[in-house]
mmCIF file of all heavy atoms, coordinates in Angstrom:
data_MODEL
# 
_entry.id   MODEL 
# 
loop_
_atom_site.group_PDB 
_atom_site.id 
_atom_site.type_symbol 
_atom_site.label_atom_id 
_atom_site.label_alt_id 
_atom_site.label_comp_id 
_atom_site.label_asym_id 
_atom_site.label_entity_id 
_atom_site.label_seq_id 
_atom_site.pdbx_PDB_ins_code 
_atom_site.Cartn_x 
_atom_site.Cartn_y 
_atom_site.Cartn_z 
_atom_site.occupancy 
_atom_site.B_iso_or_equiv 
_atom_site.pdbx_formal_charge 
_atom_site.auth_seq_id 
_atom_site.auth_comp_id 
_atom_site.auth_asym_id 
_atom_site.auth_atom_id 
_atom_site.pdbx_PDB_model_num 
ATOM 1   N N   . GLU A 1 1  ? 79.359 41.603 74.622 1.00 0.00 ? 1  GLU A N   1 
ATOM 2   C CA  . GLU A 1 1  ? 78.737 41.505 73.302 1.00 0.00 ? 1  GLU A CA  1 
ATOM 3   C C   . GLU A 1 1  ? 77.557 40.535 73.339 1.00 0.00 ? 1  GLU A C   1 
ATOM 4   O O   . GLU A 1 1  ? 76.508 40.774 72.713 1.00 0.00 ? 1  GLU A O   1 
ATOM 5   C CB  . GLU A 1 1  ? 79.765 41.035 72.276 1.00 0.00 ? 1  GLU A CB  1 
ATOM 6   C CG  . GLU A 1 1  ? 80.850 42.060 71.963 1.00 0.00 ? 1  GLU A CG  1 
ATOM 7   C CD  . GLU A 1 1  ? 80.268 43.309 71.303 1.00 0.00 ? 1  GLU A CD  1 
ATOM 8   O OE1 . GLU A 1 1  ? 79.243 43.196 70.602 1.00 0.00 ? 1  GLU A OE1 1 
ATOM 9   O OE2 . GLU A 1 1  ? 80.840 44.391 71.520 1.00 0.00 ? 1  GLU A OE2 1 
ATOM 10  N N   . ILE A 1 2  ? 77.707 39.437 74.067 1.00 0.00 ? 2  ILE A N   1 
ATOM 11  C CA  . ILE A 1 2  ? 76.600 38.471 74.151 1.00 0.00 ? 2  ILE A CA  1 
ATOM 12  C C   . ILE A 1 2  ? 75.432 39.076 74.926 1.00 0.00 ? 2  ILE A C   1 
ATOM 13  O O   . ILE A 1 2  ? 74.257 38.893 74.576 1.00 0.00 ? 2  ILE A O   1 
ATOM 14  C CB  . ILE A 1 2  ? 77.095 37.170 74.811 1.00 0.00 ? 2  ILE A CB  1 
ATOM 15  C CG1 . ILE A 1 2  ? 78.150 36.486 73.929 1.00 0.00 ? 2  ILE A CG1 1 
ATOM 16  C CG2 . ILE A 1 2  ? 75.928 36.225 75.060 1.00 0.00 ? 2  ILE A CG2 1 
ATOM 17  C CD1 . ILE A 1 2  ? 78.796 35.293 74.576 1.00 0.00 ? 2  ILE A CD1 1 
ATOM 18  N N   . LEU A 1 3  ? 75.746 39.833 75.974 1.00 0.00 ? 3  LEU A N   1 
ATOM 19  C CA  . LEU A 1 3  ? 74.676 40.437 76.772 1.00 0.00 ? 3  LEU A CA  1 
ATOM 20  C C   . LEU A 1 3  ? 73.918 41.516 76.000 1.00 0.00 ? 3  LEU A C   1 
ATOM 21  O O   . LEU A 1 3  ? 72.761 41.822 76.323 1.00 0.00 ? 3  LEU A O   1 
ATOM 22  C CB  . LEU A 1 3  ? 75.258 41.035 78.061 1.00 0.00 ? 3  LEU A CB  1 
ATOM 23  C CG  . LEU A 1 3  ? 75.768 40.015 79.098 1.00 0.00 ? 3  LEU A CG  1 
ATOM 24  C CD1 . LEU A 1 3  ? 76.378 40.738 80.295 1.00 0.00 ? 3  LEU A CD1 1 
ATOM 25  C CD2 . LEU A 1 3  ? 74.640 39.104 79.555 1.00 0.00 ? 3  LEU A CD2 1 
ATOM 26  N N   . ARG A 1 4  ? 74.539 42.100 75.005 1.00 0.00 ? 4  ARG A N   1 
ATOM 27  C CA  . ARG A 1 4  ? 73.826 43.101 74.198 1.00 0.00 ? 4  ARG A CA  1 
ATOM 28  C C   . ARG A 1 4  ? 72.616 42.470 73.495 1.00 0.00 ? 4  ARG A C   1 
ATOM 29  O O   . ARG A 1 4  ? 71.592 43.129 73.275 1.00 0.00 ? 4  ARG A O   1 
ATOM 30  C CB  . ARG A 1 4  ? 74.762 43.717 73.170 1.00 0.00 ? 4  ARG A CB  1 
ATOM 31  C CG  . ARG A 1 4  ? 75.852 44.586 73.775 1.00 0.00 ? 4  ARG A CG  1 
ATOM 32  C CD  . ARG A 1 4  ? 76.696 45.226 72.680 1.00 0.00 ? 4  ARG A CD  1 
ATOM 33  N NE  . ARG A 1 4  ? 77.871 45.893 73.238 1.00 0.00 ? 4  ARG A NE  1 
ATOM 34  C CZ  . ARG A 1 4  ? 77.863 47.134 73.750 1.00 0.00 ? 4  ARG A CZ  1 
ATOM 35  N NH1 . ARG A 1 4  ? 76.726 47.815 73.767 1.00 0.00 ? 4  ARG A NH1 1 
ATOM 36  N NH2 . ARG A 1 4  ? 78.976 47.664 74.220 1.00 0.00 ? 4  ARG A NH2 1 
ATOM 37  N N   . SER A 1 5  ? 72.761 41.181 73.166 1.00 0.00 ? 5  SER A N   1 
ATOM 38  C CA  . SER A 1 5  ? 71.628 40.518 72.507 1.00 0.00 ? 5  SER A CA  1 
ATOM 39  C C   . SER A 1 5  ? 70.660 39.930 73.517 1.00 0.00 ? 5  SER A C   1 
ATOM 40  O O   . SER A 1 5  ? 69.436 39.964 73.321 1.00 0.00 ? 5  SER A O   1 
ATOM 41  C CB  . SER A 1 5  ? 72.141 39.434 71.568 1.00 0.00 ? 5  SER A CB  1 
ATOM 42  O OG  . SER A 1 5  ? 72.873 38.461 72.292 1.00 0.00 ? 5  SER A OG  1 
ATOM 43  N N   . THR A 1 6  ? 71.176 39.419 74.614 1.00 0.00 ? 6  THR A N   1 
ATOM 44  C CA  . THR A 1 6  ? 70.294 38.794 75.600 1.00 0.00 ? 6  THR A CA  1 
ATOM 45  C C   . THR A 1 6  ? 69.581 39.828 76.462 1.00 0.00 ? 6  THR A C   1 
ATOM 46  O O   . THR A 1 6  ? 68.472 39.593 76.945 1.00 0.00 ? 6  THR A O   1 
ATOM 47  C CB  . THR A 1 6  ? 71.100 37.853 76.507 1.00 0.00 ? 6  THR A CB  1 
ATOM 48  O OG1 . THR A 1 6  ? 72.146 38.583 77.155 1.00 0.00 ? 6  THR A OG1 1 
ATOM 49  C CG2 . THR A 1 6  ? 71.712 36.725 75.686 1.00 0.00 ? 6  THR A CG2 1 
ATOM 50  N N   . GLU A 1 7  ? 70.219 40.974 76.661 1.00 0.00 ? 7  GLU A N   1 
ATOM 51  C CA  . GLU A 1 7  ? 69.622 42.019 77.490 1.00 0.00 ? 7  GLU A CA  1 
ATOM 52  C C   . GLU A 1 7  ? 69.101 43.187 76.657 1.00 0.00 ? 7  GLU A C   1 
ATOM 53  O O   . GLU A 1 7  ? 69.010 44.319 77.155 1.00 0.00 ? 7  GLU A O   1 
ATOM 54  C CB  . GLU A 1 7  ? 70.669 42.515 78.501 1.00 0.00 ? 7  GLU A CB  1 
ATOM 55  C CG  . GLU A 1 7  ? 71.283 41.450 79.360 1.00 0.00 ? 7  GLU A CG  1 
ATOM 56  C CD  . GLU A 1 7  ? 70.269 40.793 80.252 1.00 0.00 ? 7  GLU A CD  1 
ATOM 57  O OE1 . GLU A 1 7  ? 69.327 41.488 80.698 1.00 0.00 ? 7  GLU A OE1 1 
ATOM 58  O OE2 . GLU A 1 7  ? 70.405 39.574 80.514 1.00 0.00 ? 7  GLU A OE2 1 
ATOM 59  N N   . ALA A 1 8  ? 68.765 42.944 75.423 1.00 0.00 ? 8  ALA A N   1 
ATOM 60  C CA  . ALA A 1 8  ? 68.285 44.045 74.553 1.00 0.00 ? 8  ALA A CA  1 
ATOM 61  C C   . ALA A 1 8  ? 66.963 44.624 75.047 1.00 0.00 ? 8  ALA A C   1 
ATOM 62  O O   . ALA A 1 8  ? 66.659 45.813 74.845 1.00 0.00 ? 8  ALA A O   1 
ATOM 63  C CB  . ALA A 1 8  ? 68.139 43.532 73.126 1.00 0.00 ? 8  ALA A CB  1 
ATOM 64  N N   . SER A 1 9  ? 66.165 43.846 75.706 1.00 0.00 ? 9  SER A N   1 
ATOM 65  C CA  . SER A 1 9  ? 64.868 44.321 76.196 1.00 0.00 ? 9  SER A CA  1 
ATOM 66  C C   . SER A 1 9  ? 65.004 45.335 77.321 1.00 0.00 ? 9  SER A C   1 
ATOM 67  O O   . SER A 1 9  ? 64.087 46.116 77.610 1.00 0.00 ? 9  SER A O   1 
ATOM 68  C CB  . SER A 1 9  ? 64.018 43.143 76.663 1.00 0.00 ? 9  SER A CB  1 
ATOM 69  O OG  . SER A 1 9  ? 64.695 42.431 77.702 1.00 0.00 ? 9  SER A OG  1 
ATOM 70  N N   . SER A 1 10 ? 66.177 45.370 77.974 1.00 0.00 ? 10 SER A N   1 
ATOM 71  C CA  . SER A 1 10 ? 66.375 46.312 79.090 1.00 0.00 ? 10 SER A CA  1 
ATOM 72  C C   . SER A 1 10 ? 66.965 47.645 78.632 1.00 0.00 ? 10 SER A C   1 
ATOM 73  O O   . SER A 1 10 ? 67.297 48.495 79.469 1.00 0.00 ? 10 SER A O   1 
ATOM 74  C CB  . SER A 1 10 ? 67.296 45.672 80.140 1.00 0.00 ? 10 SER A CB  1 
ATOM 75  O OG  . SER A 1 10 ? 68.578 45.432 79.592 1.00 0.00 ? 10 SER A OG  1 
ATOM 76  N N   . LYS A 1 11 ? 67.106 47.839 77.355 1.00 0.00 ? 11 LYS A N   1 
ATOM 77  C CA  . LYS A 1 11 ? 67.678 49.088 76.832 1.00 0.00 ? 11 LYS A CA  1 
ATOM 78  C C   . LYS A 1 11 ? 66.621 50.176 76.839 1.00 0.00 ? 11 LYS A C   1 
ATOM 79  O O   . LYS A 1 11 ? 65.515 49.981 76.352 1.00 0.00 ? 11 LYS A O   1 
ATOM 80  C CB  . LYS A 1 11 ? 68.198 48.835 75.422 1.00 0.00 ? 11 LYS A CB  1 
ATOM 81  C CG  . LYS A 1 11 ? 69.032 49.976 74.863 1.00 0.00 ? 11 LYS A CG  1 
ATOM 82  C CD  . LYS A 1 11 ? 69.601 49.570 73.497 1.00 0.00 ? 11 LYS A CD  1 
ATOM 83  C CE  . LYS A 1 11 ? 70.498 50.653 72.948 1.00 0.00 ? 11 LYS A CE  1 
ATOM 84  N NZ  . LYS A 1 11 ? 71.051 50.294 71.610 1.00 0.00 ? 11 LYS A NZ  1 
ATOM 85  N N   . ASN A 1 12 ? 66.953 51.361 77.412 1.00 0.00 ? 12 ASN A N   1 
ATOM 86  C CA  . ASN A 1 12 ? 65.980 52.465 77.496 1.00 0.00 ? 12 ASN A CA  1 
ATOM 87  C C   . ASN A 1 12 ? 66.098 53.359 76.267 1.00 0.00 ? 12 ASN A C   1 
ATOM 88  O O   . ASN A 1 12 ? 66.900 53.098 75.358 1.00 0.00 ? 12 ASN A O   1 
ATOM 89  C CB  . ASN A 1 12 ? 66.186 53.258 78.789 1.00 0.00 ? 12 ASN A CB  1 
ATOM 90  C CG  . ASN A 1 12 ? 67.620 53.759 78.919 1.00 0.00 ? 12 ASN A CG  1 
ATOM 91  O OD1 . ASN A 1 12 ? 68.309 53.942 77.919 1.00 0.00 ? 12 ASN A OD1 1 
ATOM 92  N ND2 . ASN A 1 12 ? 68.055 53.996 80.146 1.00 0.00 ? 12 ASN A ND2 1 
ATOM 93  N N   . ILE A 1 13 ? 65.347 54.466 76.288 1.00 0.00 ? 13 ILE A N   1 
ATOM 94  C CA  . ILE A 1 13 ? 65.291 55.356 75.119 1.00 0.00 ? 13 ILE A CA  1 
ATOM 95  C C   . ILE A 1 13 ? 66.581 56.135 74.951 1.00 0.00 ? 13 ILE A C   1 
ATOM 96  O O   . ILE A 1 13 ? 66.855 56.681 73.864 1.00 0.00 ? 13 ILE A O   1 
ATOM 97  C CB  . ILE A 1 13 ? 64.104 56.341 75.257 1.00 0.00 ? 13 ILE A CB  1 
ATOM 98  C CG1 . ILE A 1 13 ? 64.264 57.167 76.550 1.00 0.00 ? 13 ILE A CG1 1 
ATOM 99  C CG2 . ILE A 1 13 ? 62.789 55.579 75.252 1.00 0.00 ? 13 ILE A CG2 1 
ATOM 100 C CD1 . ILE A 1 13 ? 63.172 58.248 76.713 1.00 0.00 ? 13 ILE A CD1 1 
ATOM 101 N N   . PHE A 1 14 ? 67.386 56.169 75.998 1.00 0.00 ? 14 PHE A N   1 
ATOM 102 C CA  . PHE A 1 14 ? 68.667 56.881 75.901 1.00 0.00 ? 14 PHE A CA  1 
ATOM 103 C C   . PHE A 1 14 ? 69.797 55.971 75.444 1.00 0.00 ? 14 PHE A C   1 
ATOM 104 O O   . PHE A 1 14 ? 70.958 56.368 75.417 1.00 0.00 ? 14 PHE A O   1 
ATOM 105 C CB  . PHE A 1 14 ? 69.024 57.504 77.255 1.00 0.00 ? 14 PHE A CB  1 
ATOM 106 C CG  . PHE A 1 14 ? 68.026 58.508 77.723 1.00 0.00 ? 14 PHE A CG  1 
ATOM 107 C CD1 . PHE A 1 14 ? 67.126 58.179 78.715 1.00 0.00 ? 14 PHE A CD1 1 
ATOM 108 C CD2 . PHE A 1 14 ? 67.969 59.787 77.149 1.00 0.00 ? 14 PHE A CD2 1 
ATOM 109 C CE1 . PHE A 1 14 ? 66.199 59.100 79.151 1.00 0.00 ? 14 PHE A CE1 1 
ATOM 110 C CE2 . PHE A 1 14 ? 67.027 60.702 77.603 1.00 0.00 ? 14 PHE A CE2 1 
ATOM 111 C CZ  . PHE A 1 14 ? 66.136 60.366 78.597 1.00 0.00 ? 14 PHE A CZ  1 
ATOM 112 N N   . GLY A 1 15 ? 69.491 54.761 75.138 1.00 0.00 ? 15 GLY A N   1 
ATOM 113 C CA  . GLY A 1 15 ? 70.509 53.824 74.669 1.00 0.00 ? 15 GLY A CA  1 
ATOM 114 C C   . GLY A 1 15 ? 71.292 53.165 75.779 1.00 0.00 ? 15 GLY A C   1 
ATOM 115 O O   . GLY A 1 15 ? 72.309 52.502 75.531 1.00 0.00 ? 15 GLY A O   1 
ATOM 116 N N   . ARG A 1 16 ? 70.853 53.289 77.005 1.00 0.00 ? 16 ARG A N   1 
ATOM 117 C CA  . ARG A 1 16 ? 71.520 52.655 78.133 1.00 0.00 ? 16 ARG A CA  1 
ATOM 118 C C   . ARG A 1 16 ? 70.733 51.430 78.582 1.00 0.00 ? 16 ARG A C   1 
ATOM 119 O O   . ARG A 1 16 ? 69.538 51.353 78.361 1.00 0.00 ? 16 ARG A O   1 
ATOM 120 C CB  . ARG A 1 16 ? 71.657 53.630 79.294 1.00 0.00 ? 16 ARG A CB  1 
ATOM 121 C CG  . ARG A 1 16 ? 72.537 54.823 78.991 1.00 0.00 ? 16 ARG A CG  1 
ATOM 122 C CD  . ARG A 1 16 ? 72.629 55.732 80.197 1.00 0.00 ? 16 ARG A CD  1 
ATOM 123 N NE  . ARG A 1 16 ? 73.490 56.869 79.932 1.00 0.00 ? 16 ARG A NE  1 
ATOM 124 C CZ  . ARG A 1 16 ? 74.821 56.874 80.075 1.00 0.00 ? 16 ARG A CZ  1 
ATOM 125 N NH1 . ARG A 1 16 ? 75.418 55.781 80.496 1.00 0.00 ? 16 ARG A NH1 1 
ATOM 126 N NH2 . ARG A 1 16 ? 75.532 57.957 79.803 1.00 0.00 ? 16 ARG A NH2 1 
ATOM 127 N N   . TYR A 1 17 ? 71.473 50.521 79.199 1.00 0.00 ? 17 TYR A N   1 
ATOM 128 C CA  . TYR A 1 17 ? 70.872 49.258 79.657 1.00 0.00 ? 17 TYR A CA  1 
ATOM 129 C C   . TYR A 1 17 ? 70.564 49.372 81.145 1.00 0.00 ? 17 TYR A C   1 
ATOM 130 O O   . TYR A 1 17 ? 71.420 49.778 81.953 1.00 0.00 ? 17 TYR A O   1 
ATOM 131 C CB  . TYR A 1 17 ? 71.817 48.084 79.420 1.00 0.00 ? 17 TYR A CB  1 
ATOM 132 C CG  . TYR A 1 17 ? 72.021 47.766 77.957 1.00 0.00 ? 17 TYR A CG  1 
ATOM 133 C CD1 . TYR A 1 17 ? 73.060 48.375 77.223 1.00 0.00 ? 17 TYR A CD1 1 
ATOM 134 C CD2 . TYR A 1 17 ? 71.191 46.867 77.317 1.00 0.00 ? 17 TYR A CD2 1 
ATOM 135 C CE1 . TYR A 1 17 ? 73.252 48.092 75.886 1.00 0.00 ? 17 TYR A CE1 1 
ATOM 136 C CE2 . TYR A 1 17 ? 71.385 46.578 75.963 1.00 0.00 ? 17 TYR A CE2 1 
ATOM 137 C CZ  . TYR A 1 17 ? 72.410 47.180 75.273 1.00 0.00 ? 17 TYR A CZ  1 
ATOM 138 O OH  . TYR A 1 17 ? 72.602 46.913 73.938 1.00 0.00 ? 17 TYR A OH  1 
ATOM 139 N N   . SER A 1 18 ? 69.347 49.022 81.453 1.00 0.00 ? 18 SER A N   1 
ATOM 140 C CA  . SER A 1 18 ? 68.936 49.015 82.860 1.00 0.00 ? 18 SER A CA  1 
ATOM 141 C C   . SER A 1 18 ? 69.225 47.694 83.552 1.00 0.00 ? 18 SER A C   1 
ATOM 142 O O   . SER A 1 18 ? 69.020 47.563 84.750 1.00 0.00 ? 18 SER A O   1 
ATOM 143 C CB  . SER A 1 18 ? 67.430 49.331 82.968 1.00 0.00 ? 18 SER A CB  1 
ATOM 144 O OG  . SER A 1 18 ? 66.677 48.348 82.245 1.00 0.00 ? 18 SER A OG  1 
ATOM 145 N N   . SER A 1 19 ? 69.706 46.706 82.819 1.00 0.00 ? 19 SER A N   1 
ATOM 146 C CA  . SER A 1 19 ? 70.005 45.374 83.376 1.00 0.00 ? 19 SER A CA  1 
ATOM 147 C C   . SER A 1 19 ? 71.244 45.457 84.263 1.00 0.00 ? 19 SER A C   1 
ATOM 148 O O   . SER A 1 19 ? 72.275 46.039 83.873 1.00 0.00 ? 19 SER A O   1 
ATOM 149 C CB  . SER A 1 19 ? 70.223 44.360 82.256 1.00 0.00 ? 19 SER A CB  1 
ATOM 150 O OG  . SER A 1 19 ? 70.672 43.137 82.780 1.00 0.00 ? 19 SER A OG  1 
ATOM 151 N N   . GLN A 1 20 ? 71.137 44.865 85.422 1.00 0.00 ? 20 GLN A N   1 
ATOM 152 C CA  . GLN A 1 20 ? 72.270 44.853 86.351 1.00 0.00 ? 20 GLN A CA  1 
ATOM 153 C C   . GLN A 1 20 ? 73.410 44.000 85.814 1.00 0.00 ? 20 GLN A C   1 
ATOM 154 O O   . GLN A 1 20 ? 74.584 44.279 86.059 1.00 0.00 ? 20 GLN A O   1 
ATOM 155 C CB  . GLN A 1 20 ? 71.807 44.324 87.711 1.00 0.00 ? 20 GLN A CB  1 
ATOM 156 C CG  . GLN A 1 20 ? 72.869 44.372 88.797 1.00 0.00 ? 20 GLN A CG  1 
ATOM 157 C CD  . GLN A 1 20 ? 73.323 45.788 89.102 1.00 0.00 ? 20 GLN A CD  1 
ATOM 158 O OE1 . GLN A 1 20 ? 72.497 46.727 89.064 1.00 0.00 ? 20 GLN A OE1 1 
ATOM 159 N NE2 . GLN A 1 20 ? 74.606 45.964 89.375 1.00 0.00 ? 20 GLN A NE2 1 
ATOM 160 N N   . ARG A 1 21 ? 73.098 42.949 85.074 1.00 0.00 ? 21 ARG A N   1 
ATOM 161 C CA  . ARG A 1 21 ? 74.134 42.097 84.481 1.00 0.00 ? 21 ARG A CA  1 
ATOM 162 C C   . ARG A 1 21 ? 75.025 42.916 83.561 1.00 0.00 ? 21 ARG A C   1 
ATOM 163 O O   . ARG A 1 21 ? 76.255 42.855 83.639 1.00 0.00 ? 21 ARG A O   1 
ATOM 164 C CB  . ARG A 1 21 ? 73.499 40.960 83.698 1.00 0.00 ? 21 ARG A CB  1 
ATOM 165 C CG  . ARG A 1 21 ? 72.709 39.987 84.537 1.00 0.00 ? 21 ARG A CG  1 
ATOM 166 C CD  . ARG A 1 21 ? 71.999 38.995 83.646 1.00 0.00 ? 21 ARG A CD  1 
ATOM 167 N NE  . ARG A 1 21 ? 71.198 38.030 84.418 1.00 0.00 ? 21 ARG A NE  1 
ATOM 168 C CZ  . ARG A 1 21 ? 70.376 37.153 83.850 1.00 0.00 ? 21 ARG A CZ  1 
ATOM 169 N NH1 . ARG A 1 21 ? 70.249 37.097 82.523 1.00 0.00 ? 21 ARG A NH1 1 
ATOM 170 N NH2 . ARG A 1 21 ? 69.690 36.328 84.610 1.00 0.00 ? 21 ARG A NH2 1 
ATOM 171 N N   . MET A 1 22 ? 74.383 43.695 82.684 1.00 0.00 ? 22 MET A N   1 
ATOM 172 C CA  . MET A 1 22 ? 75.144 44.495 81.742 1.00 0.00 ? 22 MET A CA  1 
ATOM 173 C C   . MET A 1 22 ? 75.997 45.530 82.481 1.00 0.00 ? 22 MET A C   1 
ATOM 174 O O   . MET A 1 22 ? 77.163 45.757 82.135 1.00 0.00 ? 22 MET A O   1 
ATOM 175 C CB  . MET A 1 22 ? 74.215 45.176 80.745 1.00 0.00 ? 22 MET A CB  1 
ATOM 176 C CG  . MET A 1 22 ? 74.924 46.064 79.718 1.00 0.00 ? 22 MET A CG  1 
ATOM 177 S SD  . MET A 1 22 ? 76.018 45.131 78.628 1.00 0.00 ? 22 MET A SD  1 
ATOM 178 C CE  . MET A 1 22 ? 74.805 44.368 77.575 1.00 0.00 ? 22 MET A CE  1 
ATOM 179 N N   . LYS A 1 23 ? 75.426 46.147 83.500 1.00 0.00 ? 23 LYS A N   1 
ATOM 180 C CA  . LYS A 1 23 ? 76.175 47.156 84.235 1.00 0.00 ? 23 LYS A CA  1 
ATOM 181 C C   . LYS A 1 23 ? 77.391 46.539 84.922 1.00 0.00 ? 23 LYS A C   1 
ATOM 182 O O   . LYS A 1 23 ? 78.480 47.135 84.925 1.00 0.00 ? 23 LYS A O   1 
ATOM 183 C CB  . LYS A 1 23 ? 75.267 47.817 85.271 1.00 0.00 ? 23 LYS A CB  1 
ATOM 184 C CG  . LYS A 1 23 ? 74.176 48.702 84.699 1.00 0.00 ? 23 LYS A CG  1 
ATOM 185 C CD  . LYS A 1 23 ? 73.322 49.299 85.807 1.00 0.00 ? 23 LYS A CD  1 
ATOM 186 C CE  . LYS A 1 23 ? 72.207 50.184 85.227 1.00 0.00 ? 23 LYS A CE  1 
ATOM 187 N NZ  . LYS A 1 23 ? 71.361 50.795 86.289 1.00 0.00 ? 23 LYS A NZ  1 
ATOM 188 N N   . ASP A 1 24 ? 77.220 45.371 85.475 1.00 0.00 ? 24 ASP A N   1 
ATOM 189 C CA  . ASP A 1 24 ? 78.357 44.730 86.159 1.00 0.00 ? 24 ASP A CA  1 
ATOM 190 C C   . ASP A 1 24 ? 79.503 44.445 85.202 1.00 0.00 ? 24 ASP A C   1 
ATOM 191 O O   . ASP A 1 24 ? 80.674 44.739 85.489 1.00 0.00 ? 24 ASP A O   1 
ATOM 192 C CB  . ASP A 1 24 ? 77.894 43.443 86.828 1.00 0.00 ? 24 ASP A CB  1 
ATOM 193 C CG  . ASP A 1 24 ? 76.958 43.694 87.998 1.00 0.00 ? 24 ASP A CG  1 
ATOM 194 O OD1 . ASP A 1 24 ? 76.959 44.828 88.503 1.00 0.00 ? 24 ASP A OD1 1 
ATOM 195 O OD2 . ASP A 1 24 ? 76.229 42.752 88.394 1.00 0.00 ? 24 ASP A OD2 1 
ATOM 196 N N   . TRP A 1 25 ? 79.223 43.868 84.083 1.00 0.00 ? 25 TRP A N   1 
ATOM 197 C CA  . TRP A 1 25 ? 80.269 43.515 83.139 1.00 0.00 ? 25 TRP A CA  1 
ATOM 198 C C   . TRP A 1 25 ? 80.864 44.740 82.449 1.00 0.00 ? 25 TRP A C   1 
ATOM 199 O O   . TRP A 1 25 ? 82.061 44.746 82.133 1.00 0.00 ? 25 TRP A O   1 
ATOM 200 C CB  . TRP A 1 25 ? 79.738 42.525 82.106 1.00 0.00 ? 25 TRP A CB  1 
ATOM 201 C CG  . TRP A 1 25 ? 79.530 41.163 82.707 1.00 0.00 ? 25 TRP A CG  1 
ATOM 202 C CD1 . TRP A 1 25 ? 78.357 40.605 83.076 1.00 0.00 ? 25 TRP A CD1 1 
ATOM 203 C CD2 . TRP A 1 25 ? 80.552 40.239 83.024 1.00 0.00 ? 25 TRP A CD2 1 
ATOM 204 N NE1 . TRP A 1 25 ? 78.546 39.372 83.601 1.00 0.00 ? 25 TRP A NE1 1 
ATOM 205 C CE2 . TRP A 1 25 ? 79.921 39.092 83.599 1.00 0.00 ? 25 TRP A CE2 1 
ATOM 206 C CE3 . TRP A 1 25 ? 81.928 40.223 82.905 1.00 0.00 ? 25 TRP A CE3 1 
ATOM 207 C CZ2 . TRP A 1 25 ? 80.619 37.987 84.023 1.00 0.00 ? 25 TRP A CZ2 1 
ATOM 208 C CZ3 . TRP A 1 25 ? 82.623 39.110 83.339 1.00 0.00 ? 25 TRP A CZ3 1 
ATOM 209 C CH2 . TRP A 1 25 ? 81.987 38.000 83.897 1.00 0.00 ? 25 TRP A CH2 1 
ATOM 210 N N   . GLN A 1 26 ? 80.061 45.774 82.234 1.00 0.00 ? 26 GLN A N   1 
ATOM 211 C CA  . GLN A 1 26 ? 80.627 47.003 81.687 1.00 0.00 ? 26 GLN A CA  1 
ATOM 212 C C   . GLN A 1 26 ? 81.565 47.669 82.690 1.00 0.00 ? 26 GLN A C   1 
ATOM 213 O O   . GLN A 1 26 ? 82.616 48.210 82.309 1.00 0.00 ? 26 GLN A O   1 
ATOM 214 C CB  . GLN A 1 26 ? 79.496 47.971 81.303 1.00 0.00 ? 26 GLN A CB  1 
ATOM 215 C CG  . GLN A 1 26 ? 78.763 47.573 80.029 1.00 0.00 ? 26 GLN A CG  1 
ATOM 216 C CD  . GLN A 1 26 ? 77.620 48.520 79.701 1.00 0.00 ? 26 GLN A CD  1 
ATOM 217 O OE1 . GLN A 1 26 ? 77.167 49.296 80.544 1.00 0.00 ? 26 GLN A OE1 1 
ATOM 218 N NE2 . GLN A 1 26 ? 77.132 48.447 78.453 1.00 0.00 ? 26 GLN A NE2 1 
ATOM 219 N N   . ASP A 1 27 ? 81.209 47.607 83.982 1.00 0.00 ? 27 ASP A N   1 
ATOM 220 C CA  . ASP A 1 27 ? 82.117 48.134 84.998 1.00 0.00 ? 27 ASP A CA  1 
ATOM 221 C C   . ASP A 1 27 ? 83.416 47.338 85.043 1.00 0.00 ? 27 ASP A C   1 
ATOM 222 O O   . ASP A 1 27 ? 84.508 47.908 85.241 1.00 0.00 ? 27 ASP A O   1 
ATOM 223 C CB  . ASP A 1 27 ? 81.435 48.108 86.361 1.00 0.00 ? 27 ASP A CB  1 
ATOM 224 C CG  . ASP A 1 27 ? 80.268 49.084 86.450 1.00 0.00 ? 27 ASP A CG  1 
ATOM 225 O OD1 . ASP A 1 27 ? 80.209 49.998 85.605 1.00 0.00 ? 27 ASP A OD1 1 
ATOM 226 O OD2 . ASP A 1 27 ? 79.417 48.900 87.347 1.00 0.00 ? 27 ASP A OD2 1 
ATOM 227 N N   . ILE A 1 28 ? 83.302 46.043 84.881 1.00 0.00 ? 28 ILE A N   1 
ATOM 228 C CA  . ILE A 1 28 ? 84.509 45.202 84.879 1.00 0.00 ? 28 ILE A CA  1 
ATOM 229 C C   . ILE A 1 28 ? 85.418 45.568 83.714 1.00 0.00 ? 28 ILE A C   1 
ATOM 230 O O   . ILE A 1 28 ? 86.645 45.676 83.866 1.00 0.00 ? 28 ILE A O   1 
ATOM 231 C CB  . ILE A 1 28 ? 84.114 43.720 84.833 1.00 0.00 ? 28 ILE A CB  1 
ATOM 232 C CG1 . ILE A 1 28 ? 83.437 43.303 86.153 1.00 0.00 ? 28 ILE A CG1 1 
ATOM 233 C CG2 . ILE A 1 28 ? 85.337 42.835 84.580 1.00 0.00 ? 28 ILE A CG2 1 
ATOM 234 C CD1 . ILE A 1 28 ? 82.855 41.918 86.131 1.00 0.00 ? 28 ILE A CD1 1 
# 
């Protein structure tokens, strides 16, 4: 939830995050 605000700039037009941080924690 915190990364959604800090990594908002990495969100693409499909609503997915290109940030590796977000991907790691979502996988966890």
